Structures are given as C-alpha cells and as structure tokens.
Amino acid sequence: MSKSAKKRVLHVGCGVHTPDKLHEHFRGPDWEEVRLDINPKVGPDIVASITDMALVPENSFEALYSSHNLEHLHPHEAPLALAEFFRVLRPGGFALITLPDLQQAAECIAQGREEEAVLLTNRGPITPLDILYGFRPFLAAGNFFMAHNFAFTAATLQEHLQEAGFSEVNVERDGEFNLWATASKL
C-alpha cells in the first residue's frame, strides 16, 4: 500500500512516543499515526489541546485514538474535546476512546478499599484514589498534566458522545477499571 493510500489516525494526548502506546488496531501498514499533545516536550506532530484542535483540518482523519485523556479535562471542557474529535473525523470515520471507569473505582471506594492496589503497572501500583484523582506519584513529581478533573461511567460517556454528534456509540466496561468506547461519524 502506498503511503498516500494509508488511512490516518489522530492519536490525541499521545505522550512520549513509544510504539505500544498506539492501539494495536492502528499499528499495521495500512495506518499512518499523527500524534497530538498539549505538551511540546513529548515531541508530538501537532502541539494543541484536545479542546481546541484548530490546527487540524475538519474531516481529515479516518480514525481518532484517545487513551486516558478526557479525565484530565474539567467537566465543561469534555464536550469541547468530543466536539473536536467529531469535527476532525471524516464521514465514515470513528473514534476509539479509553478512560477510567468511575463506577468501578467508586465501588472500591464505597467498600473502603480506596488505598488498595487494584492494578499493578510498570510505574507502580494504582489505587482507586489514583483512578479518581490521578496517579499520585506523577502529581507529587510536578506533572500536573496527569491530574484527573472529571470522570465518566459507561452511561455518561455514551451520552456525551451522542451529544457530540456521534452515532453507533458502543461503550464497554473491561473489568480492569477502564471504559472502551467506539463512536462513528456518519
């Protein structure tokens, strides 16, 4: 497949470039990744906020991938970001979004397990409070981009995506404290 025939995926909130950050669906030779992040230090292709991607032309991507970004926004900013996601997708395109599952974290907190390590990562254990507020070791080190300011349940994420104009919205809970949504633009 020639480079010009590749489908393009906008990887928003991409962070530092490592090949495994991009969802496996987009890692094949059919896809070209374009990286967008608010932090210029991570070397994105486009420096912008997901709430204002004016540098990205309308209807310019077949797909958009957002992994653990929306929770960093304030509640009033989430609709702006989702409207931008919709705007930059071509008709027939889709967004793949993953973010923390507020309901699962809240269930642990309600059970008194707020400080229990519920996930083990290469960066350390994650607790329900980390899921709610952001990974505290990153915050303690001064990385305030990692603070969590908003959260979704499966139902509220579906509602927000539909309000942004997406159709064929599917939101699933993975049982690992994540929500996964696919949303199409007709």
N, C-alpha and C. Protein backbone atom coordinates (compact mmCIF):
# COMPACT_ATOMS: atom_id res chain seq x y z
N MET A 1 0.85 -1.18 0.00
CA MET A 1 0.00 0.00 0.00
C MET A 1 0.89 1.24 0.00
N SER A 2 0.64 2.17 -0.87
CA SER A 2 1.45 3.38 -0.94
C SER A 2 1.15 4.27 0.25
N LYS A 3 2.10 5.12 0.58
CA LYS A 3 1.94 6.00 1.73
C LYS A 3 0.70 6.87 1.58
N SER A 4 0.42 7.35 0.36
CA SER A 4 -0.73 8.22 0.16
C SER A 4 -2.04 7.48 0.35
N ALA A 5 -2.06 6.16 0.23
CA ALA A 5 -3.28 5.38 0.38
C ALA A 5 -3.52 4.95 1.83
N LYS A 6 -2.60 5.26 2.71
CA LYS A 6 -2.77 4.87 4.11
C LYS A 6 -3.91 5.66 4.75
N LYS A 7 -4.61 4.98 5.64
CA LYS A 7 -5.59 5.66 6.46
C LYS A 7 -4.82 6.36 7.59
N ARG A 8 -5.36 7.49 8.02
CA ARG A 8 -4.68 8.26 9.06
C ARG A 8 -5.46 8.22 10.36
N VAL A 9 -4.73 8.02 11.45
CA VAL A 9 -5.31 8.05 12.79
C VAL A 9 -4.66 9.20 13.56
N LEU A 10 -5.49 10.03 14.16
CA LEU A 10 -5.01 11.10 15.02
C LEU A 10 -4.95 10.55 16.44
N HIS A 11 -3.74 10.46 16.97
CA HIS A 11 -3.51 9.93 18.32
C HIS A 11 -3.42 11.12 19.26
N VAL A 12 -4.55 11.44 19.91
CA VAL A 12 -4.60 12.62 20.76
C VAL A 12 -4.11 12.31 22.16
N GLY A 13 -3.42 13.29 22.78
CA GLY A 13 -2.86 13.07 24.10
C GLY A 13 -1.86 11.95 24.08
N CYS A 14 -1.03 11.92 23.04
CA CYS A 14 -0.16 10.78 22.74
C CYS A 14 0.96 10.56 23.75
N GLY A 15 1.41 11.62 24.42
CA GLY A 15 2.53 11.48 25.34
C GLY A 15 3.82 11.16 24.59
N VAL A 16 4.83 10.74 25.33
CA VAL A 16 6.13 10.38 24.74
C VAL A 16 5.93 9.22 23.78
N HIS A 17 6.60 9.28 22.64
CA HIS A 17 6.40 8.27 21.60
C HIS A 17 7.03 6.93 21.98
N THR A 18 6.16 5.93 22.06
CA THR A 18 6.58 4.53 22.12
C THR A 18 5.57 3.77 21.27
N PRO A 19 6.04 2.81 20.48
CA PRO A 19 5.13 2.12 19.56
C PRO A 19 3.94 1.44 20.23
N ASP A 20 4.09 0.97 21.46
CA ASP A 20 2.99 0.24 22.10
C ASP A 20 1.90 1.15 22.66
N LYS A 21 2.09 2.47 22.61
CA LYS A 21 1.04 3.39 23.08
C LYS A 21 -0.13 3.46 22.11
N LEU A 22 0.16 3.28 20.85
CA LEU A 22 -0.90 3.31 19.85
C LEU A 22 -1.64 1.98 19.91
N HIS A 23 -2.96 2.01 19.91
CA HIS A 23 -3.76 0.79 19.98
C HIS A 23 -3.36 -0.14 18.83
N GLU A 24 -3.33 -1.43 19.11
CA GLU A 24 -2.87 -2.43 18.13
C GLU A 24 -3.65 -2.38 16.81
N HIS A 25 -4.90 -1.96 16.85
CA HIS A 25 -5.70 -1.87 15.62
C HIS A 25 -5.04 -0.95 14.59
N PHE A 26 -4.31 0.06 15.07
CA PHE A 26 -3.72 1.07 14.19
C PHE A 26 -2.24 0.85 13.89
N ARG A 27 -1.67 -0.26 14.33
CA ARG A 27 -0.22 -0.48 14.19
C ARG A 27 0.20 -1.12 12.87
N GLY A 28 -0.71 -1.49 12.03
CA GLY A 28 -0.36 -2.16 10.79
C GLY A 28 0.07 -1.21 9.70
N PRO A 29 0.46 -1.76 8.55
CA PRO A 29 0.96 -0.95 7.44
C PRO A 29 -0.12 -0.10 6.77
N ASP A 30 -1.38 -0.36 7.09
CA ASP A 30 -2.48 0.40 6.48
C ASP A 30 -2.71 1.75 7.15
N TRP A 31 -2.07 1.96 8.31
CA TRP A 31 -2.34 3.17 9.09
C TRP A 31 -1.11 4.05 9.22
N GLU A 32 -1.35 5.35 9.21
CA GLU A 32 -0.33 6.36 9.50
C GLU A 32 -0.76 7.09 10.76
N GLU A 33 0.09 7.11 11.76
CA GLU A 33 -0.20 7.80 13.02
C GLU A 33 0.25 9.24 12.95
N VAL A 34 -0.64 10.15 13.36
CA VAL A 34 -0.30 11.56 13.55
C VAL A 34 -0.52 11.84 15.03
N ARG A 35 0.51 12.33 15.70
CA ARG A 35 0.49 12.47 17.16
C ARG A 35 0.20 13.92 17.55
N LEU A 36 -0.74 14.09 18.50
CA LEU A 36 -1.13 15.41 19.00
C LEU A 36 -1.05 15.39 20.52
N ASP A 37 -0.44 16.41 21.10
CA ASP A 37 -0.36 16.51 22.56
C ASP A 37 -0.23 17.98 22.93
N ILE A 38 -0.69 18.32 24.12
CA ILE A 38 -0.59 19.69 24.63
C ILE A 38 0.84 20.01 25.09
N ASN A 39 1.61 18.97 25.39
CA ASN A 39 2.94 19.13 25.95
C ASN A 39 4.00 19.04 24.84
N PRO A 40 4.62 20.15 24.47
CA PRO A 40 5.63 20.09 23.41
C PRO A 40 6.84 19.24 23.76
N LYS A 41 7.09 19.01 25.05
CA LYS A 41 8.25 18.22 25.48
C LYS A 41 8.18 16.76 25.05
N VAL A 42 6.97 16.26 24.69
CA VAL A 42 6.85 14.86 24.29
C VAL A 42 7.03 14.69 22.78
N GLY A 43 7.30 15.77 22.05
CA GLY A 43 7.61 15.70 20.63
C GLY A 43 6.47 15.28 19.73
N PRO A 44 5.26 15.83 19.93
CA PRO A 44 4.15 15.45 19.05
C PRO A 44 4.29 16.08 17.66
N ASP A 45 3.55 15.56 16.71
CA ASP A 45 3.50 16.18 15.38
C ASP A 45 2.76 17.51 15.43
N ILE A 46 1.74 17.57 16.30
CA ILE A 46 0.92 18.77 16.46
C ILE A 46 0.85 19.08 17.95
N VAL A 47 1.18 20.32 18.31
CA VAL A 47 1.04 20.76 19.69
C VAL A 47 -0.29 21.50 19.79
N ALA A 48 -1.21 20.92 20.55
CA ALA A 48 -2.53 21.51 20.72
C ALA A 48 -3.24 20.83 21.87
N SER A 49 -4.23 21.53 22.39
CA SER A 49 -5.13 20.96 23.39
C SER A 49 -6.21 20.18 22.66
N ILE A 50 -6.71 19.12 23.28
CA ILE A 50 -7.79 18.37 22.66
C ILE A 50 -9.10 19.16 22.69
N THR A 51 -9.14 20.27 23.41
CA THR A 51 -10.34 21.11 23.42
C THR A 51 -10.32 22.14 22.31
N ASP A 52 -9.17 22.32 21.68
CA ASP A 52 -9.05 23.28 20.57
C ASP A 52 -7.99 22.77 19.60
N MET A 53 -8.43 21.99 18.64
CA MET A 53 -7.51 21.42 17.65
C MET A 53 -7.64 22.17 16.32
N ALA A 54 -7.68 23.50 16.39
CA ALA A 54 -7.86 24.33 15.20
C ALA A 54 -6.78 24.07 14.15
N LEU A 55 -5.62 23.59 14.57
CA LEU A 55 -4.54 23.28 13.62
C LEU A 55 -4.85 22.04 12.78
N VAL A 56 -5.86 21.27 13.19
CA VAL A 56 -6.23 20.05 12.48
C VAL A 56 -7.44 20.37 11.59
N PRO A 57 -7.32 20.17 10.29
CA PRO A 57 -8.45 20.47 9.40
C PRO A 57 -9.66 19.58 9.67
N GLU A 58 -10.82 20.13 9.40
CA GLU A 58 -12.07 19.38 9.52
C GLU A 58 -12.07 18.20 8.56
N ASN A 59 -12.68 17.09 8.98
CA ASN A 59 -12.84 15.90 8.14
C ASN A 59 -11.52 15.37 7.58
N SER A 60 -10.47 15.34 8.39
CA SER A 60 -9.15 15.00 7.85
C SER A 60 -8.60 13.64 8.30
N PHE A 61 -9.31 12.91 9.17
CA PHE A 61 -8.80 11.64 9.65
C PHE A 61 -9.86 10.54 9.57
N GLU A 62 -9.41 9.34 9.26
CA GLU A 62 -10.30 8.18 9.25
C GLU A 62 -10.59 7.68 10.66
N ALA A 63 -9.67 7.95 11.58
CA ALA A 63 -9.84 7.48 12.95
C ALA A 63 -9.16 8.43 13.92
N LEU A 64 -9.60 8.35 15.16
CA LEU A 64 -9.01 9.11 16.25
C LEU A 64 -8.88 8.14 17.42
N TYR A 65 -7.71 8.17 18.07
CA TYR A 65 -7.48 7.33 19.24
C TYR A 65 -7.16 8.22 20.43
N SER A 66 -7.91 8.02 21.52
CA SER A 66 -7.72 8.77 22.75
C SER A 66 -7.64 7.79 23.90
N SER A 67 -6.47 7.71 24.52
CA SER A 67 -6.27 6.80 25.64
C SER A 67 -5.97 7.61 26.90
N HIS A 68 -6.90 7.59 27.81
CA HIS A 68 -6.76 8.23 29.12
C HIS A 68 -6.40 9.71 29.00
N ASN A 69 -7.28 10.44 28.31
CA ASN A 69 -7.14 11.89 28.15
C ASN A 69 -8.31 12.67 28.73
N LEU A 70 -9.51 12.22 28.45
CA LEU A 70 -10.70 13.02 28.81
C LEU A 70 -10.82 13.27 30.31
N GLU A 71 -10.32 12.35 31.12
CA GLU A 71 -10.41 12.53 32.56
C GLU A 71 -9.52 13.67 33.07
N HIS A 72 -8.62 14.14 32.24
CA HIS A 72 -7.74 15.25 32.64
C HIS A 72 -8.38 16.61 32.41
N LEU A 73 -9.50 16.62 31.73
CA LEU A 73 -10.22 17.86 31.46
C LEU A 73 -11.15 18.20 32.62
N HIS A 74 -11.56 19.46 32.66
CA HIS A 74 -12.60 19.87 33.60
C HIS A 74 -13.95 19.55 32.96
N PRO A 75 -15.00 19.39 33.77
CA PRO A 75 -16.30 18.97 33.22
C PRO A 75 -16.78 19.81 32.04
N HIS A 76 -16.59 21.11 32.08
CA HIS A 76 -17.07 21.96 30.98
C HIS A 76 -16.23 21.80 29.71
N GLU A 77 -15.05 21.20 29.81
CA GLU A 77 -14.18 21.03 28.64
C GLU A 77 -14.44 19.73 27.88
N ALA A 78 -15.01 18.73 28.55
CA ALA A 78 -15.22 17.44 27.88
C ALA A 78 -16.09 17.57 26.62
N PRO A 79 -17.20 18.32 26.66
CA PRO A 79 -17.98 18.47 25.42
C PRO A 79 -17.19 19.18 24.30
N LEU A 80 -16.32 20.09 24.67
CA LEU A 80 -15.48 20.77 23.66
C LEU A 80 -14.55 19.77 22.99
N ALA A 81 -13.92 18.92 23.79
CA ALA A 81 -13.00 17.92 23.23
C ALA A 81 -13.74 16.94 22.33
N LEU A 82 -14.89 16.45 22.79
CA LEU A 82 -15.64 15.49 21.98
C LEU A 82 -16.14 16.12 20.69
N ALA A 83 -16.50 17.39 20.73
CA ALA A 83 -16.89 18.09 19.51
C ALA A 83 -15.70 18.21 18.56
N GLU A 84 -14.51 18.42 19.10
CA GLU A 84 -13.31 18.47 18.26
C GLU A 84 -12.99 17.10 17.67
N PHE A 85 -13.15 16.05 18.47
CA PHE A 85 -12.93 14.70 17.95
C PHE A 85 -13.85 14.46 16.75
N PHE A 86 -15.11 14.83 16.90
CA PHE A 86 -16.10 14.65 15.84
C PHE A 86 -15.72 15.48 14.61
N ARG A 87 -15.33 16.73 14.83
CA ARG A 87 -15.02 17.66 13.74
C ARG A 87 -13.89 17.16 12.85
N VAL A 88 -12.84 16.60 13.43
CA VAL A 88 -11.66 16.23 12.64
C VAL A 88 -11.82 14.89 11.91
N LEU A 89 -12.84 14.12 12.29
CA LEU A 89 -13.05 12.83 11.62
C LEU A 89 -13.77 13.02 10.29
N ARG A 90 -13.39 12.22 9.32
CA ARG A 90 -14.10 12.18 8.04
C ARG A 90 -15.42 11.46 8.23
N PRO A 91 -16.42 11.75 7.40
CA PRO A 91 -17.62 10.93 7.43
C PRO A 91 -17.24 9.46 7.20
N GLY A 92 -17.80 8.59 8.00
CA GLY A 92 -17.43 7.18 7.96
C GLY A 92 -16.29 6.84 8.91
N GLY A 93 -15.69 7.86 9.51
CA GLY A 93 -14.59 7.64 10.45
C GLY A 93 -15.10 7.27 11.83
N PHE A 94 -14.17 6.91 12.71
CA PHE A 94 -14.57 6.51 14.05
C PHE A 94 -13.52 6.92 15.08
N ALA A 95 -14.01 7.07 16.31
CA ALA A 95 -13.13 7.34 17.45
C ALA A 95 -13.08 6.08 18.31
N LEU A 96 -11.90 5.78 18.80
CA LEU A 96 -11.69 4.72 19.79
C LEU A 96 -11.15 5.42 21.03
N ILE A 97 -11.90 5.33 22.11
CA ILE A 97 -11.60 6.09 23.33
C ILE A 97 -11.56 5.13 24.51
N THR A 98 -10.52 5.27 25.32
CA THR A 98 -10.47 4.54 26.58
C THR A 98 -10.15 5.52 27.70
N LEU A 99 -10.72 5.26 28.86
CA LEU A 99 -10.52 6.12 30.03
C LEU A 99 -10.96 5.37 31.27
N PRO A 100 -10.68 5.92 32.46
CA PRO A 100 -11.02 5.20 33.69
C PRO A 100 -12.52 5.01 33.87
N ASP A 101 -12.87 3.89 34.47
CA ASP A 101 -14.25 3.54 34.78
C ASP A 101 -14.56 4.06 36.19
N LEU A 102 -15.25 5.20 36.25
CA LEU A 102 -15.59 5.82 37.54
C LEU A 102 -16.42 4.88 38.41
N GLN A 103 -17.34 4.17 37.81
CA GLN A 103 -18.21 3.29 38.58
C GLN A 103 -17.42 2.21 39.30
N GLN A 104 -16.48 1.58 38.63
CA GLN A 104 -15.69 0.52 39.27
C GLN A 104 -14.81 1.09 40.38
N ALA A 105 -14.20 2.26 40.15
CA ALA A 105 -13.38 2.89 41.20
C ALA A 105 -14.26 3.26 42.39
N ALA A 106 -15.45 3.81 42.12
CA ALA A 106 -16.35 4.22 43.21
C ALA A 106 -16.82 3.02 44.02
N GLU A 107 -17.05 1.89 43.35
CA GLU A 107 -17.44 0.68 44.07
C GLU A 107 -16.36 0.28 45.07
N CYS A 108 -15.10 0.35 44.68
CA CYS A 108 -14.00 0.01 45.59
C CYS A 108 -13.93 1.01 46.74
N ILE A 109 -14.10 2.28 46.43
CA ILE A 109 -14.06 3.32 47.46
C ILE A 109 -15.19 3.10 48.46
N ALA A 110 -16.39 2.79 47.96
CA ALA A 110 -17.53 2.55 48.84
C ALA A 110 -17.31 1.35 49.75
N GLN A 111 -16.48 0.41 49.30
CA GLN A 111 -16.16 -0.78 50.10
C GLN A 111 -15.00 -0.53 51.07
N GLY A 112 -14.47 0.69 51.10
CA GLY A 112 -13.35 1.01 51.98
C GLY A 112 -12.01 0.57 51.44
N ARG A 113 -11.93 0.33 50.13
CA ARG A 113 -10.70 -0.17 49.51
C ARG A 113 -9.97 0.93 48.73
N GLU A 114 -10.15 2.18 49.12
CA GLU A 114 -9.61 3.30 48.34
C GLU A 114 -8.09 3.31 48.21
N GLU A 115 -7.36 2.74 49.18
CA GLU A 115 -5.90 2.72 49.14
C GLU A 115 -5.34 1.37 48.71
N GLU A 116 -6.20 0.42 48.36
CA GLU A 116 -5.76 -0.90 47.94
C GLU A 116 -5.23 -0.84 46.51
N ALA A 117 -4.12 -1.51 46.27
CA ALA A 117 -3.58 -1.60 44.91
C ALA A 117 -4.51 -2.50 44.10
N VAL A 118 -5.20 -1.89 43.13
CA VAL A 118 -6.13 -2.67 42.30
C VAL A 118 -5.55 -2.97 40.93
N LEU A 119 -4.50 -2.26 40.56
CA LEU A 119 -3.77 -2.50 39.31
C LEU A 119 -2.29 -2.40 39.60
N LEU A 120 -1.51 -3.28 38.99
CA LEU A 120 -0.06 -3.21 39.11
C LEU A 120 0.49 -2.86 37.73
N THR A 121 1.27 -1.79 37.68
CA THR A 121 1.84 -1.34 36.41
C THR A 121 3.35 -1.27 36.54
N ASN A 122 4.01 -1.03 35.42
CA ASN A 122 5.47 -0.89 35.46
C ASN A 122 5.89 0.40 36.17
N ARG A 123 4.93 1.27 36.45
CA ARG A 123 5.24 2.52 37.17
C ARG A 123 4.82 2.48 38.63
N GLY A 124 4.25 1.36 39.03
CA GLY A 124 3.85 1.20 40.41
C GLY A 124 2.38 0.83 40.54
N PRO A 125 1.95 0.54 41.78
CA PRO A 125 0.56 0.16 42.00
C PRO A 125 -0.39 1.35 41.82
N ILE A 126 -1.58 1.03 41.34
CA ILE A 126 -2.63 2.04 41.14
C ILE A 126 -3.76 1.71 42.12
N THR A 127 -4.23 2.73 42.83
CA THR A 127 -5.33 2.57 43.78
C THR A 127 -6.59 3.24 43.21
N PRO A 128 -7.76 2.94 43.78
CA PRO A 128 -8.96 3.64 43.34
C PRO A 128 -8.84 5.17 43.48
N LEU A 129 -8.13 5.66 44.50
CA LEU A 129 -7.95 7.11 44.62
C LEU A 129 -7.10 7.66 43.47
N ASP A 130 -6.11 6.87 43.01
CA ASP A 130 -5.33 7.29 41.84
C ASP A 130 -6.21 7.35 40.60
N ILE A 131 -7.11 6.39 40.48
CA ILE A 131 -8.02 6.37 39.34
C ILE A 131 -8.93 7.60 39.39
N LEU A 132 -9.34 7.99 40.57
CA LEU A 132 -10.23 9.13 40.73
C LEU A 132 -9.51 10.46 40.53
N TYR A 133 -8.33 10.64 41.13
CA TYR A 133 -7.66 11.94 41.14
C TYR A 133 -6.44 12.06 40.23
N GLY A 134 -5.92 10.95 39.77
CA GLY A 134 -4.68 10.95 39.00
C GLY A 134 -3.61 10.20 39.78
N PHE A 135 -2.65 9.65 39.05
CA PHE A 135 -1.59 8.84 39.66
C PHE A 135 -0.74 9.74 40.55
N ARG A 136 -0.84 9.55 41.84
CA ARG A 136 -0.24 10.47 42.80
C ARG A 136 1.28 10.59 42.70
N PRO A 137 2.04 9.54 42.39
CA PRO A 137 3.48 9.76 42.22
C PRO A 137 3.81 10.75 41.09
N PHE A 138 3.05 10.73 40.00
CA PHE A 138 3.27 11.71 38.92
C PHE A 138 2.93 13.12 39.42
N LEU A 139 1.83 13.24 40.15
CA LEU A 139 1.44 14.55 40.66
C LEU A 139 2.48 15.08 41.65
N ALA A 140 2.97 14.20 42.51
CA ALA A 140 3.97 14.59 43.50
C ALA A 140 5.26 15.05 42.83
N ALA A 141 5.55 14.50 41.65
CA ALA A 141 6.76 14.90 40.91
C ALA A 141 6.54 16.17 40.09
N GLY A 142 5.33 16.75 40.18
CA GLY A 142 5.07 18.02 39.50
C GLY A 142 4.44 17.89 38.13
N ASN A 143 4.06 16.68 37.72
CA ASN A 143 3.43 16.50 36.40
C ASN A 143 1.92 16.70 36.56
N PHE A 144 1.51 17.97 36.57
CA PHE A 144 0.11 18.31 36.82
C PHE A 144 -0.78 18.08 35.60
N PHE A 145 -0.17 17.80 34.43
CA PHE A 145 -0.97 17.37 33.28
C PHE A 145 -1.69 16.06 33.60
N MET A 146 -1.18 15.31 34.60
CA MET A 146 -1.72 13.99 34.91
C MET A 146 -2.85 14.02 35.94
N ALA A 147 -3.23 15.20 36.42
CA ALA A 147 -4.34 15.29 37.38
C ALA A 147 -5.65 14.93 36.69
N HIS A 148 -6.51 14.23 37.39
CA HIS A 148 -7.85 13.89 36.89
C HIS A 148 -8.83 14.92 37.43
N ASN A 149 -9.58 15.52 36.52
CA ASN A 149 -10.52 16.57 36.89
C ASN A 149 -11.98 16.21 36.57
N PHE A 150 -12.19 15.08 35.93
CA PHE A 150 -13.53 14.67 35.52
C PHE A 150 -13.53 13.16 35.39
N ALA A 151 -14.70 12.57 35.37
CA ALA A 151 -14.79 11.11 35.25
C ALA A 151 -16.11 10.74 34.58
N PHE A 152 -16.12 9.54 34.03
CA PHE A 152 -17.29 9.03 33.33
C PHE A 152 -17.67 7.65 33.83
N THR A 153 -18.95 7.36 33.75
CA THR A 153 -19.45 6.00 33.81
C THR A 153 -19.73 5.61 32.36
N ALA A 154 -20.06 4.35 32.14
CA ALA A 154 -20.38 3.93 30.78
C ALA A 154 -21.56 4.74 30.24
N ALA A 155 -22.57 4.95 31.06
CA ALA A 155 -23.77 5.68 30.62
C ALA A 155 -23.46 7.14 30.30
N THR A 156 -22.66 7.81 31.16
CA THR A 156 -22.40 9.23 30.90
C THR A 156 -21.47 9.41 29.70
N LEU A 157 -20.54 8.49 29.48
CA LEU A 157 -19.68 8.59 28.30
C LEU A 157 -20.52 8.42 27.04
N GLN A 158 -21.41 7.45 27.03
CA GLN A 158 -22.27 7.25 25.86
C GLN A 158 -23.10 8.51 25.59
N GLU A 159 -23.66 9.07 26.64
CA GLU A 159 -24.47 10.29 26.49
C GLU A 159 -23.65 11.44 25.91
N HIS A 160 -22.46 11.65 26.43
CA HIS A 160 -21.62 12.74 25.94
C HIS A 160 -21.23 12.53 24.46
N LEU A 161 -20.92 11.30 24.08
CA LEU A 161 -20.56 11.03 22.69
C LEU A 161 -21.73 11.27 21.76
N GLN A 162 -22.92 10.87 22.17
CA GLN A 162 -24.10 11.10 21.34
C GLN A 162 -24.40 12.59 21.23
N GLU A 163 -24.25 13.33 22.32
CA GLU A 163 -24.48 14.77 22.29
C GLU A 163 -23.48 15.47 21.38
N ALA A 164 -22.28 14.91 21.21
CA ALA A 164 -21.27 15.50 20.32
C ALA A 164 -21.56 15.20 18.85
N GLY A 165 -22.55 14.35 18.58
CA GLY A 165 -22.92 14.06 17.20
C GLY A 165 -22.58 12.66 16.72
N PHE A 166 -21.89 11.88 17.55
CA PHE A 166 -21.51 10.53 17.15
C PHE A 166 -22.73 9.62 17.08
N SER A 167 -22.66 8.67 16.16
CA SER A 167 -23.70 7.65 16.06
C SER A 167 -23.04 6.30 16.28
N GLU A 168 -23.84 5.27 16.37
CA GLU A 168 -23.31 3.92 16.59
C GLU A 168 -22.27 3.91 17.71
N VAL A 169 -22.67 4.46 18.84
CA VAL A 169 -21.80 4.53 20.01
C VAL A 169 -21.91 3.24 20.80
N ASN A 170 -20.76 2.66 21.13
CA ASN A 170 -20.72 1.46 21.95
C ASN A 170 -19.70 1.68 23.07
N VAL A 171 -20.15 1.55 24.31
CA VAL A 171 -19.25 1.72 25.47
C VAL A 171 -19.28 0.43 26.27
N GLU A 172 -18.10 -0.08 26.57
CA GLU A 172 -17.98 -1.31 27.35
C GLU A 172 -17.06 -1.09 28.55
N ARG A 173 -17.39 -1.78 29.64
CA ARG A 173 -16.54 -1.81 30.83
C ARG A 173 -15.67 -3.06 30.70
N ASP A 174 -14.36 -2.92 30.91
CA ASP A 174 -13.49 -4.08 30.72
C ASP A 174 -13.19 -4.84 32.01
N GLY A 175 -13.69 -4.35 33.14
CA GLY A 175 -13.43 -5.02 34.41
C GLY A 175 -12.04 -4.75 34.96
N GLU A 176 -11.24 -4.00 34.22
CA GLU A 176 -9.87 -3.64 34.63
C GLU A 176 -9.79 -2.14 34.89
N PHE A 177 -10.92 -1.54 35.30
CA PHE A 177 -11.03 -0.13 35.65
C PHE A 177 -10.97 0.79 34.42
N ASN A 178 -11.30 0.27 33.25
CA ASN A 178 -11.33 1.07 32.03
C ASN A 178 -12.68 0.99 31.35
N LEU A 179 -13.05 2.07 30.69
CA LEU A 179 -14.14 2.08 29.74
C LEU A 179 -13.52 2.12 28.36
N TRP A 180 -14.15 1.44 27.39
CA TRP A 180 -13.72 1.46 26.00
C TRP A 180 -14.92 1.87 25.16
N ALA A 181 -14.77 2.91 24.38
CA ALA A 181 -15.87 3.39 23.53
C ALA A 181 -15.41 3.44 22.09
N THR A 182 -16.32 3.01 21.21
CA THR A 182 -16.16 3.26 19.77
C THR A 182 -17.36 4.09 19.36
N ALA A 183 -17.10 5.11 18.57
CA ALA A 183 -18.15 6.02 18.15
C ALA A 183 -17.88 6.42 16.70
N SER A 184 -18.92 6.29 15.87
CA SER A 184 -18.78 6.55 14.43
C SER A 184 -19.34 7.91 14.05
N LYS A 185 -18.77 8.47 13.02
CA LYS A 185 -19.29 9.69 12.42
C LYS A 185 -19.87 9.30 11.05
N LEU A 186 -21.16 9.46 10.91
CA LEU A 186 -21.80 9.12 9.62
C LEU A 186 -21.59 10.21 8.61
